[in-house]
Amino acid sequence: MTGPSTTLVATPVGEARISWHRAAGHPRAVLGLGHGAGGGIEAADLVALAAALPGRAITVALVEQPWRVAGKKVAPAPKTLDAGWLPVAERLAAEGVPLVVGGRSAGARVACRTGAASGAVAVLALAFPLHPPGKPERSRVAELLGSGLPTLVVQGERDSFGAPGEFPVFPAVPAFPAGRRLVSVPYANHGFVLPKSAPLGQAAALEQLTGAVGDWLAELPLG
């Protein structure tokens, strides 16, 4: 079995890299996913989505920010991250199908900040860092809502950067009010890792995550 194909994209802050996990046949959409500040596209949630969604007619594009491609260890400032993302989003949109942007943690923040400018139709926020751990007064809820686009937040029940109950504008019910939805992954932390004592297994938790994202994408009016 061959691995995903890759594309390098020139940006004002260096080259970004796209790893393509293409849908069989004509895709309904392209889902572009960025990584967090502490890791790359090998994160378990990103890998799981790249494996699961092509079978549901979604092409998944895992995006490595220029700082990661260059081998740097520390993520740059938000403006630099955004500058490294927008040319990638333009390349993803060139696929000619609706674009959904997203990412995990810092990557989710980038997608929210740039979603409208990228021409995306919706945003997927995985493990959105609503606030720094232990500092709920430093809320980033305005950033989360800033795109004005339909948004799905998938949050671990034990996420120290913001538990599901801290998202008051995202009712934790299977509804789609104002184009926003919150899905809680039981027992999971910020990396969607479950403790060994949890009655739910790690594989089952990731299946819940990918199933919720796939169902949400299926409901979006993608044309």
Protein backbone atom coordinates (compact mmCIF):
# COMPACT_ATOMS: atom_id res chain seq x y z
CA MET A 1 0.00 0.00 0.00
CA THR A 2 1.37 3.40 -0.95
CA GLY A 3 1.30 6.32 1.43
CA PRO A 4 -0.37 9.68 0.89
CA SER A 5 0.90 12.00 -1.79
CA THR A 6 2.37 15.33 -0.71
CA THR A 7 2.40 18.86 -2.07
CA LEU A 8 4.65 21.72 -1.01
CA VAL A 9 3.04 25.16 -0.92
CA ALA A 10 5.03 28.39 -0.86
CA THR A 11 3.88 30.86 1.80
CA PRO A 12 5.27 34.21 3.01
CA VAL A 13 6.80 32.40 6.02
CA GLY A 14 8.26 29.34 4.30
CA GLU A 15 7.01 26.17 2.65
CA ALA A 16 4.04 24.28 4.04
CA ARG A 17 3.38 20.65 3.21
CA ILE A 18 0.06 18.97 2.43
CA SER A 19 -0.37 15.23 2.87
CA TRP A 20 -3.33 14.13 0.77
CA HIS A 21 -5.68 11.31 1.81
CA ARG A 22 -8.03 11.31 -1.14
CA ALA A 23 -11.57 10.07 -1.35
CA ALA A 24 -12.28 7.29 -3.79
CA GLY A 25 -14.27 8.79 -6.62
CA HIS A 26 -15.50 12.37 -6.63
CA PRO A 27 -15.23 13.97 -3.16
CA ARG A 28 -18.04 15.95 -1.59
CA ALA A 29 -15.51 18.24 0.08
CA VAL A 30 -11.89 18.75 1.05
CA LEU A 31 -11.19 18.89 4.78
CA GLY A 32 -7.93 20.73 5.52
CA LEU A 33 -6.58 20.02 9.00
CA GLY A 34 -3.72 21.78 10.77
CA HIS A 35 -1.76 20.45 13.72
CA GLY A 36 -1.18 21.83 17.20
CA ALA A 37 1.70 23.84 18.64
CA GLY A 38 3.21 20.84 20.39
CA GLY A 39 3.07 18.24 17.64
CA GLY A 40 2.49 17.48 13.99
CA ILE A 41 0.11 15.65 11.72
CA GLU A 42 0.87 12.36 13.47
CA ALA A 43 -1.61 13.30 16.23
CA ALA A 44 -4.05 10.45 16.86
CA ASP A 45 -7.20 12.41 16.01
CA LEU A 46 -5.79 13.70 12.72
CA VAL A 47 -4.55 10.25 11.71
CA ALA A 48 -7.93 8.71 12.56
CA LEU A 49 -9.84 11.25 10.48
CA ALA A 50 -7.46 10.79 7.53
CA ALA A 51 -8.14 7.05 7.66
CA ALA A 52 -11.91 7.20 8.15
CA LEU A 53 -13.24 10.07 6.06
CA PRO A 54 -12.06 9.20 2.53
CA GLY A 55 -14.50 6.29 2.72
CA ARG A 56 -17.26 8.85 3.29
CA ALA A 57 -16.37 10.84 0.16
CA ILE A 58 -14.23 13.43 1.96
CA THR A 59 -10.67 14.15 0.88
CA VAL A 60 -8.56 14.87 3.95
CA ALA A 61 -5.54 17.15 3.63
CA LEU A 62 -3.22 17.13 6.65
CA VAL A 63 -1.22 20.34 6.67
CA GLU A 64 2.22 20.82 8.20
CA GLN A 65 2.89 24.45 9.01
CA PRO A 66 6.13 25.99 7.64
CA TRP A 67 7.77 26.00 11.07
CA ARG A 68 7.35 22.23 11.31
CA VAL A 69 8.53 21.65 7.75
CA ALA A 70 11.65 23.68 8.59
CA GLY A 71 12.34 21.47 11.60
CA LYS A 72 11.75 24.13 14.24
CA LYS A 73 10.57 23.09 17.71
CA VAL A 74 8.54 26.11 18.77
CA ALA A 75 5.46 27.49 17.03
CA PRO A 76 5.60 31.16 15.98
CA ALA A 77 3.12 33.93 16.75
CA PRO A 78 -0.52 33.65 15.63
CA LYS A 79 -0.10 36.13 12.77
CA THR A 80 2.74 34.02 11.39
CA LEU A 81 0.66 30.86 11.68
CA ASP A 82 -2.19 32.54 9.80
CA ALA A 83 0.19 33.73 7.07
CA GLY A 84 1.41 30.17 6.66
CA TRP A 85 -2.12 28.80 6.42
CA LEU A 86 -3.95 31.04 3.94
CA PRO A 87 -1.91 30.06 0.84
CA VAL A 88 -2.48 26.43 1.76
CA ALA A 89 -6.23 27.03 2.01
CA GLU A 90 -6.10 28.63 -1.44
CA ARG A 91 -4.43 25.48 -2.80
CA LEU A 92 -7.03 23.28 -1.12
CA ALA A 93 -9.85 25.36 -2.59
CA ALA A 94 -8.33 24.84 -6.03
CA GLU A 95 -9.50 21.22 -5.84
CA GLY A 96 -12.84 22.58 -7.02
CA VAL A 97 -15.08 21.18 -4.27
CA PRO A 98 -16.30 22.82 -1.05
CA LEU A 99 -13.56 23.48 1.50
CA VAL A 100 -13.90 22.80 5.21
CA VAL A 101 -11.00 24.00 7.33
CA GLY A 102 -9.99 22.85 10.77
CA GLY A 103 -7.31 21.49 12.99
CA ARG A 104 -6.47 20.48 16.52
CA SER A 105 -5.64 22.92 19.33
CA ALA A 106 -3.55 25.77 17.85
CA GLY A 107 -4.54 24.52 14.40
CA ALA A 108 -8.19 24.94 15.35
CA ARG A 109 -7.49 28.53 16.37
CA VAL A 110 -5.87 29.22 12.99
CA ALA A 111 -8.89 27.75 11.19
CA CYS A 112 -11.30 29.88 13.21
CA ARG A 113 -9.31 33.07 12.66
CA THR A 114 -8.92 32.57 8.91
CA GLY A 115 -12.03 30.57 8.03
CA ALA A 116 -13.98 33.38 6.40
CA ALA A 117 -10.93 34.74 4.54
CA SER A 118 -10.10 31.27 3.21
CA GLY A 119 -13.46 30.84 1.52
CA ALA A 120 -14.29 27.81 3.64
CA VAL A 121 -17.89 26.75 4.15
CA ALA A 122 -17.41 25.44 7.71
CA VAL A 123 -14.84 24.96 10.49
CA LEU A 124 -13.87 21.85 12.45
CA ALA A 125 -12.27 22.63 15.83
CA LEU A 126 -10.65 19.63 17.51
CA ALA A 127 -9.59 20.17 21.14
CA PHE A 128 -10.08 23.92 20.86
CA PRO A 129 -7.94 25.60 23.57
CA LEU A 130 -10.66 27.77 25.03
CA HIS A 131 -8.22 29.09 27.65
CA PRO A 132 -4.78 28.23 29.04
CA PRO A 133 -4.96 25.48 31.68
CA GLY A 134 -6.10 26.88 35.00
CA LYS A 135 -6.86 30.33 33.56
CA PRO A 136 -10.51 30.35 32.47
CA GLU A 137 -10.54 34.15 32.65
CA ARG A 138 -8.37 34.23 29.51
CA SER A 139 -11.19 32.98 27.30
CA ARG A 140 -10.76 32.66 23.53
CA VAL A 141 -14.47 32.25 22.87
CA ALA A 142 -14.51 35.35 20.64
CA GLU A 143 -11.85 33.75 18.46
CA LEU A 144 -13.85 30.54 18.27
CA LEU A 145 -16.95 32.39 17.07
CA GLY A 146 -15.09 34.85 14.87
CA SER A 147 -15.36 32.99 11.57
CA GLY A 148 -19.16 33.26 11.50
CA LEU A 149 -19.22 29.84 9.81
CA PRO A 150 -20.92 26.58 10.82
CA THR A 151 -18.56 25.10 13.39
CA LEU A 152 -18.17 21.71 15.00
CA VAL A 153 -16.17 21.54 18.24
CA VAL A 154 -14.98 18.10 19.35
CA GLN A 155 -13.72 18.29 22.91
CA GLY A 156 -12.36 15.76 25.37
CA GLU A 157 -14.39 15.50 28.56
CA ARG A 158 -11.21 16.05 30.63
CA ASP A 159 -9.59 18.71 28.44
CA SER A 160 -7.67 21.08 30.73
CA PHE A 161 -7.77 23.76 28.01
CA GLY A 162 -11.57 23.84 28.26
CA ALA A 163 -14.02 21.10 29.19
CA PRO A 164 -17.23 20.76 27.15
CA GLY A 165 -19.27 22.43 29.90
CA GLU A 166 -17.20 25.59 29.50
CA PHE A 167 -18.60 26.19 25.99
CA PRO A 168 -21.93 27.82 26.90
CA VAL A 169 -22.67 28.89 23.33
CA PHE A 170 -22.31 25.29 22.14
CA PRO A 171 -25.12 23.21 23.67
CA ALA A 172 -23.91 19.65 24.28
CA VAL A 173 -26.88 18.15 22.45
CA PRO A 174 -27.27 16.81 18.91
CA ALA A 175 -28.67 20.02 17.49
CA PHE A 176 -27.34 22.57 15.06
CA PRO A 177 -28.33 25.96 16.55
CA ALA A 178 -26.82 28.90 14.68
CA GLY A 179 -24.67 26.45 12.75
CA ARG A 180 -22.70 25.36 15.83
CA ARG A 181 -22.36 21.99 17.51
CA LEU A 182 -20.35 20.53 20.35
CA VAL A 183 -19.40 16.86 20.66
CA SER A 184 -17.87 15.58 23.90
CA VAL A 185 -15.55 12.56 23.88
CA PRO A 186 -15.97 10.75 27.23
CA TYR A 187 -12.92 10.44 29.50
CA ALA A 188 -10.60 12.02 26.92
CA ASN A 189 -7.98 14.70 27.61
CA HIS A 190 -6.64 17.44 25.30
CA GLY A 191 -4.96 14.85 23.09
CA PHE A 192 -8.07 12.62 23.12
CA VAL A 193 -6.13 10.13 25.23
CA LEU A 194 -8.14 8.12 27.74
CA PRO A 195 -6.88 6.82 31.09
CA LYS A 196 -6.37 3.06 31.32
CA SER A 197 -9.12 2.94 33.93
CA ALA A 198 -11.74 4.33 31.53
CA PRO A 199 -14.55 1.92 30.60
CA LEU A 200 -14.25 3.15 27.01
CA GLY A 201 -11.27 1.97 24.97
CA GLN A 202 -8.96 4.29 23.04
CA ALA A 203 -9.98 2.88 19.65
CA ALA A 204 -13.66 3.25 20.50
CA ALA A 205 -13.14 6.89 21.52
CA LEU A 206 -11.49 7.69 18.21
CA GLU A 207 -14.31 5.93 16.40
CA GLN A 208 -16.76 8.20 18.23
CA LEU A 209 -14.74 11.21 17.13
CA THR A 210 -14.50 10.21 13.47
CA GLY A 211 -18.14 9.16 13.38
CA ALA A 212 -19.31 12.50 14.77
CA VAL A 213 -17.19 14.44 12.29
CA GLY A 214 -18.35 12.28 9.38
CA ASP A 215 -22.00 12.69 10.34
CA TRP A 216 -21.60 16.46 10.69
CA LEU A 217 -19.95 16.73 7.27
CA ALA A 218 -22.76 14.64 5.77
CA GLU A 219 -25.31 17.14 7.10
CA LEU A 220 -23.57 20.25 5.82
CA PRO A 221 -25.14 21.79 2.69
CA LEU A 222 -22.08 21.23 0.51
CA GLY A 223 -23.95 21.42 -2.77
